[in-house]
Amino acid sequence: MKRYIAAILVPCFLLQLSGCYSMQEISRDEFEQRSGQEDLQIKTNGGKILSFNKDDYIVRSDSIIGVGNTVSYYDWIPEIEFEGSIAIDEVESFSMEGFSVFNTVGAALVGIFIGIIVSVEISGIGSGGF
């Protein structure tokens, strides 16, 4: 029974770590071309990380204006809603969601592999005894 649980939980965990889409760092020029079309995550020169949904921000002249959330990689630090503007010159890096062929193919291969293992175990071929 533990094998079946592990056979389900391990691929789910791997898919959580790598999905078809992920945040990818982009240049300032690419940001200016794609702004408003996709979700945005920025890191300011002060180390603050802000996340905006695609419909919740606009770029006006030299500022990003919108409503988003601060991002923390620690569960014990709550996200705080942000509303206002940030000068583009204060932004250290820009990240937008992008499709990752590598992650998608890897996730598909892991899923197929786990599916084969589970089907072999269920049919009794891999159980070692008849």
N, C-alpha and C. Protein backbone atom coordinates (compact mmCIF):
# COMPACT_ATOMS: atom_id res chain seq x y z
N MET A 1 0.81 -1.19 0.00
CA MET A 1 0.00 0.00 0.00
C MET A 1 0.86 1.26 0.00
N LYS A 2 2.01 1.22 0.73
CA LYS A 2 2.90 2.37 0.78
C LYS A 2 3.45 2.68 -0.61
N ARG A 3 3.68 1.67 -1.41
CA ARG A 3 4.20 1.88 -2.77
C ARG A 3 3.19 2.66 -3.61
N TYR A 4 1.93 2.34 -3.46
CA TYR A 4 0.90 3.03 -4.24
C TYR A 4 0.81 4.50 -3.84
N ILE A 5 0.87 4.73 -2.55
CA ILE A 5 0.82 6.11 -2.07
C ILE A 5 2.04 6.88 -2.58
N ALA A 6 3.21 6.27 -2.47
CA ALA A 6 4.43 6.92 -2.96
C ALA A 6 4.37 7.13 -4.47
N ALA A 7 3.79 6.16 -5.18
CA ALA A 7 3.69 6.28 -6.63
C ALA A 7 2.79 7.43 -7.05
N ILE A 8 1.90 7.83 -6.20
CA ILE A 8 1.02 8.98 -6.50
C ILE A 8 1.63 10.28 -5.98
N LEU A 9 2.17 10.26 -4.77
CA LEU A 9 2.67 11.49 -4.17
C LEU A 9 3.97 12.00 -4.81
N VAL A 10 4.86 11.11 -5.18
CA VAL A 10 6.14 11.54 -5.78
C VAL A 10 5.91 12.29 -7.09
N PRO A 11 5.12 11.76 -8.04
CA PRO A 11 4.92 12.54 -9.26
C PRO A 11 4.18 13.86 -9.02
N CYS A 12 3.25 13.85 -8.07
CA CYS A 12 2.56 15.11 -7.75
C CYS A 12 3.54 16.15 -7.23
N PHE A 13 4.46 15.72 -6.39
CA PHE A 13 5.48 16.62 -5.87
C PHE A 13 6.38 17.13 -6.99
N LEU A 14 6.79 16.25 -7.87
CA LEU A 14 7.65 16.66 -8.99
C LEU A 14 6.93 17.62 -9.92
N LEU A 15 5.65 17.40 -10.16
CA LEU A 15 4.89 18.32 -11.00
C LEU A 15 4.73 19.68 -10.33
N GLN A 16 4.64 19.67 -9.01
CA GLN A 16 4.54 20.94 -8.28
C GLN A 16 5.84 21.73 -8.43
N LEU A 17 6.97 21.04 -8.39
CA LEU A 17 8.26 21.72 -8.52
C LEU A 17 8.51 22.24 -9.92
N SER A 18 8.03 21.51 -10.91
CA SER A 18 8.24 21.96 -12.29
C SER A 18 6.94 21.84 -13.04
N GLY A 19 6.48 22.95 -13.56
CA GLY A 19 5.25 22.95 -14.32
C GLY A 19 5.54 23.44 -15.73
N CYS A 20 4.52 23.55 -16.53
CA CYS A 20 4.70 24.01 -17.90
C CYS A 20 5.08 25.48 -17.96
N TYR A 21 4.61 26.24 -16.99
CA TYR A 21 4.91 27.67 -16.96
C TYR A 21 5.69 27.99 -15.68
N SER A 22 6.62 28.90 -15.81
CA SER A 22 7.35 29.35 -14.63
C SER A 22 7.78 30.79 -14.85
N MET A 23 8.10 31.46 -13.75
CA MET A 23 8.57 32.83 -13.84
C MET A 23 10.00 32.82 -14.37
N GLN A 24 10.23 33.59 -15.41
CA GLN A 24 11.56 33.67 -16.01
C GLN A 24 12.00 35.12 -16.05
N GLU A 25 13.24 35.35 -15.63
CA GLU A 25 13.76 36.70 -15.61
C GLU A 25 13.91 37.21 -17.04
N ILE A 26 13.52 38.47 -17.26
CA ILE A 26 13.60 39.07 -18.58
C ILE A 26 14.33 40.41 -18.48
N SER A 27 14.76 40.90 -19.62
CA SER A 27 15.45 42.19 -19.66
C SER A 27 14.45 43.34 -19.58
N ARG A 28 14.97 44.52 -19.34
CA ARG A 28 14.10 45.70 -19.28
C ARG A 28 13.44 45.97 -20.62
N ASP A 29 14.17 45.78 -21.72
CA ASP A 29 13.60 45.98 -23.06
C ASP A 29 12.46 45.00 -23.32
N GLU A 30 12.67 43.75 -22.95
CA GLU A 30 11.62 42.74 -23.15
C GLU A 30 10.41 43.06 -22.27
N PHE A 31 10.66 43.55 -21.05
CA PHE A 31 9.56 43.95 -20.17
C PHE A 31 8.73 45.04 -20.83
N GLU A 32 9.38 46.02 -21.40
CA GLU A 32 8.66 47.14 -22.03
C GLU A 32 7.81 46.67 -23.20
N GLN A 33 8.24 45.62 -23.91
CA GLN A 33 7.48 45.09 -25.03
C GLN A 33 6.29 44.24 -24.55
N ARG A 34 6.47 43.51 -23.46
CA ARG A 34 5.45 42.56 -23.00
C ARG A 34 4.60 43.07 -21.84
N SER A 35 4.86 44.26 -21.35
CA SER A 35 4.16 44.75 -20.15
C SER A 35 2.65 44.78 -20.38
N GLY A 36 1.93 44.36 -19.35
CA GLY A 36 0.47 44.34 -19.40
C GLY A 36 -0.11 43.09 -20.03
N GLN A 37 0.73 42.24 -20.64
CA GLN A 37 0.25 41.04 -21.32
C GLN A 37 0.31 39.80 -20.44
N GLU A 38 1.17 39.83 -19.42
CA GLU A 38 1.38 38.65 -18.58
C GLU A 38 1.55 39.07 -17.13
N ASP A 39 1.45 38.08 -16.23
CA ASP A 39 1.72 38.34 -14.82
C ASP A 39 3.16 38.84 -14.69
N LEU A 40 3.39 39.69 -13.70
CA LEU A 40 4.69 40.32 -13.52
C LEU A 40 5.16 40.15 -12.09
N GLN A 41 6.44 39.87 -11.93
CA GLN A 41 7.07 39.85 -10.63
C GLN A 41 8.33 40.70 -10.73
N ILE A 42 8.49 41.63 -9.80
CA ILE A 42 9.67 42.50 -9.83
C ILE A 42 10.40 42.41 -8.50
N LYS A 43 11.69 42.63 -8.57
CA LYS A 43 12.51 42.74 -7.37
C LYS A 43 13.11 44.13 -7.39
N THR A 44 12.86 44.89 -6.32
CA THR A 44 13.35 46.26 -6.26
C THR A 44 14.81 46.28 -5.79
N ASN A 45 15.44 47.42 -5.97
CA ASN A 45 16.82 47.58 -5.51
C ASN A 45 16.93 47.38 -4.01
N GLY A 46 15.85 47.61 -3.27
CA GLY A 46 15.82 47.42 -1.82
C GLY A 46 15.58 45.99 -1.40
N GLY A 47 15.42 45.07 -2.36
CA GLY A 47 15.21 43.65 -2.05
C GLY A 47 13.76 43.24 -1.90
N LYS A 48 12.82 44.14 -2.07
CA LYS A 48 11.40 43.83 -1.97
C LYS A 48 10.95 43.15 -3.25
N ILE A 49 10.14 42.10 -3.13
CA ILE A 49 9.61 41.39 -4.29
C ILE A 49 8.11 41.62 -4.35
N LEU A 50 7.64 42.10 -5.49
CA LEU A 50 6.22 42.38 -5.69
C LEU A 50 5.70 41.57 -6.86
N SER A 51 4.46 41.11 -6.74
CA SER A 51 3.83 40.31 -7.77
C SER A 51 2.53 40.98 -8.21
N PHE A 52 2.34 41.08 -9.54
CA PHE A 52 1.14 41.69 -10.10
C PHE A 52 0.50 40.73 -11.10
N ASN A 53 -0.82 40.63 -11.09
CA ASN A 53 -1.54 39.90 -12.14
C ASN A 53 -1.56 40.78 -13.39
N LYS A 54 -1.73 40.17 -14.54
CA LYS A 54 -1.61 40.91 -15.80
C LYS A 54 -2.59 42.06 -15.95
N ASP A 55 -3.75 41.97 -15.35
CA ASP A 55 -4.74 43.04 -15.48
C ASP A 55 -4.67 44.06 -14.35
N ASP A 56 -3.73 43.88 -13.43
CA ASP A 56 -3.68 44.73 -12.24
C ASP A 56 -2.54 45.75 -12.24
N TYR A 57 -1.87 45.94 -13.37
CA TYR A 57 -0.82 46.94 -13.43
C TYR A 57 -0.76 47.55 -14.83
N ILE A 58 -0.24 48.77 -14.87
CA ILE A 58 0.00 49.45 -16.14
C ILE A 58 1.37 50.13 -16.04
N VAL A 59 1.92 50.42 -17.20
CA VAL A 59 3.19 51.14 -17.25
C VAL A 59 2.91 52.50 -17.85
N ARG A 60 3.25 53.53 -17.09
CA ARG A 60 3.09 54.90 -17.56
C ARG A 60 4.45 55.57 -17.49
N SER A 61 4.91 56.06 -18.60
CA SER A 61 6.21 56.71 -18.76
C SER A 61 7.31 55.91 -18.05
N ASP A 62 7.70 56.26 -16.86
CA ASP A 62 8.81 55.58 -16.20
C ASP A 62 8.41 54.89 -14.90
N SER A 63 7.12 54.53 -14.76
CA SER A 63 6.63 53.91 -13.53
C SER A 63 5.70 52.74 -13.81
N ILE A 64 5.70 51.80 -12.86
CA ILE A 64 4.74 50.70 -12.87
C ILE A 64 3.70 51.04 -11.81
N ILE A 65 2.44 51.12 -12.23
CA ILE A 65 1.36 51.51 -11.33
C ILE A 65 0.39 50.34 -11.23
N GLY A 66 0.02 49.96 -10.01
CA GLY A 66 -0.93 48.86 -9.90
C GLY A 66 -1.17 48.38 -8.50
N VAL A 67 -1.91 47.29 -8.44
CA VAL A 67 -2.25 46.62 -7.19
C VAL A 67 -1.69 45.21 -7.26
N GLY A 68 -0.90 44.85 -6.25
CA GLY A 68 -0.30 43.52 -6.23
C GLY A 68 -0.05 43.09 -4.80
N ASN A 69 0.85 42.14 -4.64
CA ASN A 69 1.19 41.62 -3.32
C ASN A 69 2.70 41.54 -3.17
N THR A 70 3.15 41.73 -1.93
CA THR A 70 4.55 41.43 -1.66
C THR A 70 4.70 39.91 -1.65
N VAL A 71 5.85 39.44 -2.03
CA VAL A 71 6.09 38.01 -2.10
C VAL A 71 7.15 37.65 -1.07
N SER A 72 6.87 36.61 -0.31
CA SER A 72 7.83 36.09 0.63
C SER A 72 7.94 34.59 0.41
N TYR A 73 9.14 34.09 0.50
CA TYR A 73 9.33 32.66 0.32
C TYR A 73 9.23 31.89 1.64
N TYR A 74 8.83 32.60 2.68
CA TYR A 74 8.63 31.98 3.99
C TYR A 74 7.15 32.00 4.34
N ASP A 75 6.62 30.87 4.76
CA ASP A 75 5.20 30.77 5.08
C ASP A 75 4.80 31.65 6.25
N TRP A 76 5.70 31.89 7.17
CA TRP A 76 5.36 32.63 8.37
C TRP A 76 5.31 34.14 8.12
N ILE A 77 5.74 34.60 6.96
CA ILE A 77 5.64 36.01 6.62
C ILE A 77 4.44 36.18 5.69
N PRO A 78 3.38 36.86 6.15
CA PRO A 78 2.19 36.99 5.31
C PRO A 78 2.43 37.93 4.13
N GLU A 79 1.70 37.66 3.05
CA GLU A 79 1.74 38.58 1.91
C GLU A 79 1.00 39.85 2.29
N ILE A 80 1.51 40.97 1.83
CA ILE A 80 0.89 42.26 2.12
C ILE A 80 0.46 42.86 0.79
N GLU A 81 -0.76 43.37 0.74
CA GLU A 81 -1.23 43.99 -0.49
C GLU A 81 -0.46 45.28 -0.74
N PHE A 82 -0.08 45.47 -1.98
CA PHE A 82 0.63 46.68 -2.40
C PHE A 82 -0.25 47.44 -3.38
N GLU A 83 -0.37 48.72 -3.19
CA GLU A 83 -1.08 49.55 -4.14
C GLU A 83 -0.30 50.85 -4.28
N GLY A 84 0.06 51.17 -5.50
CA GLY A 84 0.82 52.39 -5.72
C GLY A 84 1.67 52.29 -6.98
N SER A 85 2.78 53.02 -6.97
CA SER A 85 3.65 53.02 -8.14
C SER A 85 5.10 52.83 -7.72
N ILE A 86 5.87 52.31 -8.66
CA ILE A 86 7.29 52.09 -8.47
C ILE A 86 7.99 52.60 -9.72
N ALA A 87 9.02 53.39 -9.54
CA ALA A 87 9.80 53.86 -10.68
C ALA A 87 10.56 52.69 -11.29
N ILE A 88 10.56 52.60 -12.60
CA ILE A 88 11.25 51.51 -13.28
C ILE A 88 12.74 51.50 -12.94
N ASP A 89 13.31 52.67 -12.68
CA ASP A 89 14.73 52.75 -12.30
C ASP A 89 15.00 52.09 -10.95
N GLU A 90 13.96 51.91 -10.11
CA GLU A 90 14.12 51.27 -8.81
C GLU A 90 14.03 49.74 -8.89
N VAL A 91 13.76 49.21 -10.09
CA VAL A 91 13.58 47.77 -10.26
C VAL A 91 14.91 47.12 -10.63
N GLU A 92 15.28 46.12 -9.82
CA GLU A 92 16.52 45.37 -10.07
C GLU A 92 16.32 44.31 -11.15
N SER A 93 15.19 43.60 -11.09
CA SER A 93 14.93 42.56 -12.09
C SER A 93 13.44 42.41 -12.34
N PHE A 94 13.12 41.98 -13.56
CA PHE A 94 11.75 41.73 -14.00
C PHE A 94 11.62 40.24 -14.30
N SER A 95 10.48 39.65 -13.92
CA SER A 95 10.20 38.25 -14.27
C SER A 95 8.76 38.17 -14.76
N MET A 96 8.56 37.40 -15.83
CA MET A 96 7.21 37.14 -16.34
C MET A 96 7.08 35.65 -16.59
N GLU A 97 5.83 35.18 -16.57
CA GLU A 97 5.60 33.77 -16.83
C GLU A 97 5.96 33.45 -18.26
N GLY A 98 6.61 32.32 -18.44
CA GLY A 98 6.95 31.86 -19.77
C GLY A 98 6.78 30.36 -19.86
N PHE A 99 6.48 29.89 -21.04
CA PHE A 99 6.32 28.46 -21.28
C PHE A 99 7.68 27.80 -21.31
N SER A 100 7.84 26.71 -20.60
CA SER A 100 9.11 25.99 -20.54
C SER A 100 8.93 24.61 -21.18
N VAL A 101 9.53 24.42 -22.33
CA VAL A 101 9.46 23.13 -23.02
C VAL A 101 10.15 22.06 -22.19
N PHE A 102 11.29 22.40 -21.61
CA PHE A 102 12.04 21.44 -20.79
C PHE A 102 11.20 20.92 -19.63
N ASN A 103 10.56 21.83 -18.88
CA ASN A 103 9.73 21.41 -17.75
C ASN A 103 8.54 20.58 -18.20
N THR A 104 7.92 20.96 -19.32
CA THR A 104 6.74 20.24 -19.80
C THR A 104 7.10 18.82 -20.23
N VAL A 105 8.17 18.68 -21.00
CA VAL A 105 8.59 17.35 -21.46
C VAL A 105 9.03 16.50 -20.27
N GLY A 106 9.77 17.11 -19.34
CA GLY A 106 10.22 16.37 -18.15
C GLY A 106 9.05 15.88 -17.33
N ALA A 107 8.05 16.74 -17.12
CA ALA A 107 6.88 16.35 -16.35
C ALA A 107 6.11 15.23 -17.05
N ALA A 108 6.00 15.31 -18.37
CA ALA A 108 5.30 14.27 -19.13
C ALA A 108 6.04 12.93 -19.03
N LEU A 109 7.35 12.95 -19.14
CA LEU A 109 8.14 11.71 -19.04
C LEU A 109 8.04 11.09 -17.65
N VAL A 110 8.09 11.92 -16.62
CA VAL A 110 7.94 11.41 -15.26
C VAL A 110 6.56 10.80 -15.07
N GLY A 111 5.53 11.47 -15.57
CA GLY A 111 4.17 10.94 -15.48
C GLY A 111 4.02 9.60 -16.18
N ILE A 112 4.59 9.49 -17.37
CA ILE A 112 4.52 8.22 -18.13
C ILE A 112 5.26 7.12 -17.37
N PHE A 113 6.45 7.45 -16.87
CA PHE A 113 7.26 6.47 -16.14
C PHE A 113 6.52 5.97 -14.90
N ILE A 114 5.96 6.89 -14.13
CA ILE A 114 5.23 6.50 -12.92
C ILE A 114 3.97 5.70 -13.29
N GLY A 115 3.30 6.08 -14.38
CA GLY A 115 2.13 5.33 -14.84
C GLY A 115 2.47 3.89 -15.17
N ILE A 116 3.60 3.69 -15.82
CA ILE A 116 4.04 2.33 -16.15
C ILE A 116 4.34 1.53 -14.89
N ILE A 117 5.04 2.16 -13.94
CA ILE A 117 5.37 1.47 -12.69
C ILE A 117 4.10 1.08 -11.93
N VAL A 118 3.16 1.99 -11.84
CA VAL A 118 1.92 1.71 -11.13
C VAL A 118 1.13 0.60 -11.82
N SER A 119 1.05 0.64 -13.15
CA SER A 119 0.29 -0.40 -13.85
C SER A 119 0.95 -1.77 -13.71
N VAL A 120 2.29 -1.80 -13.68
CA VAL A 120 3.00 -3.08 -13.48
C VAL A 120 2.74 -3.59 -12.07
N GLU A 121 2.80 -2.71 -11.07
CA GLU A 121 2.56 -3.13 -9.69
C GLU A 121 1.12 -3.61 -9.50
N ILE A 122 0.17 -2.93 -10.10
CA ILE A 122 -1.23 -3.30 -9.94
C ILE A 122 -1.52 -4.65 -10.60
N SER A 123 -0.90 -4.88 -11.75
CA SER A 123 -1.16 -6.14 -12.45
C SER A 123 -0.46 -7.32 -11.80
N GLY A 124 0.47 -7.04 -10.84
CA GLY A 124 1.12 -8.13 -10.12
C GLY A 124 2.40 -8.62 -10.74
N ILE A 125 2.76 -8.09 -11.90
CA ILE A 125 3.97 -8.56 -12.57
C ILE A 125 5.20 -8.18 -11.75
N GLY A 126 5.21 -7.00 -11.17
CA GLY A 126 6.38 -6.54 -10.46
C GLY A 126 6.36 -6.88 -8.98
N SER A 127 5.40 -7.66 -8.51
CA SER A 127 5.31 -7.94 -7.07
C SER A 127 6.28 -9.02 -6.62
N GLY A 128 6.87 -9.75 -7.53
CA GLY A 128 7.89 -10.73 -7.17
C GLY A 128 7.32 -12.10 -6.79
N GLY A 129 6.06 -12.28 -6.75
CA GLY A 129 5.52 -13.57 -6.36
C GLY A 129 4.22 -13.88 -7.08
N PHE A 130 4.04 -15.14 -7.45
CA PHE A 130 2.81 -15.58 -8.10
C PHE A 130 2.13 -16.62 -7.29
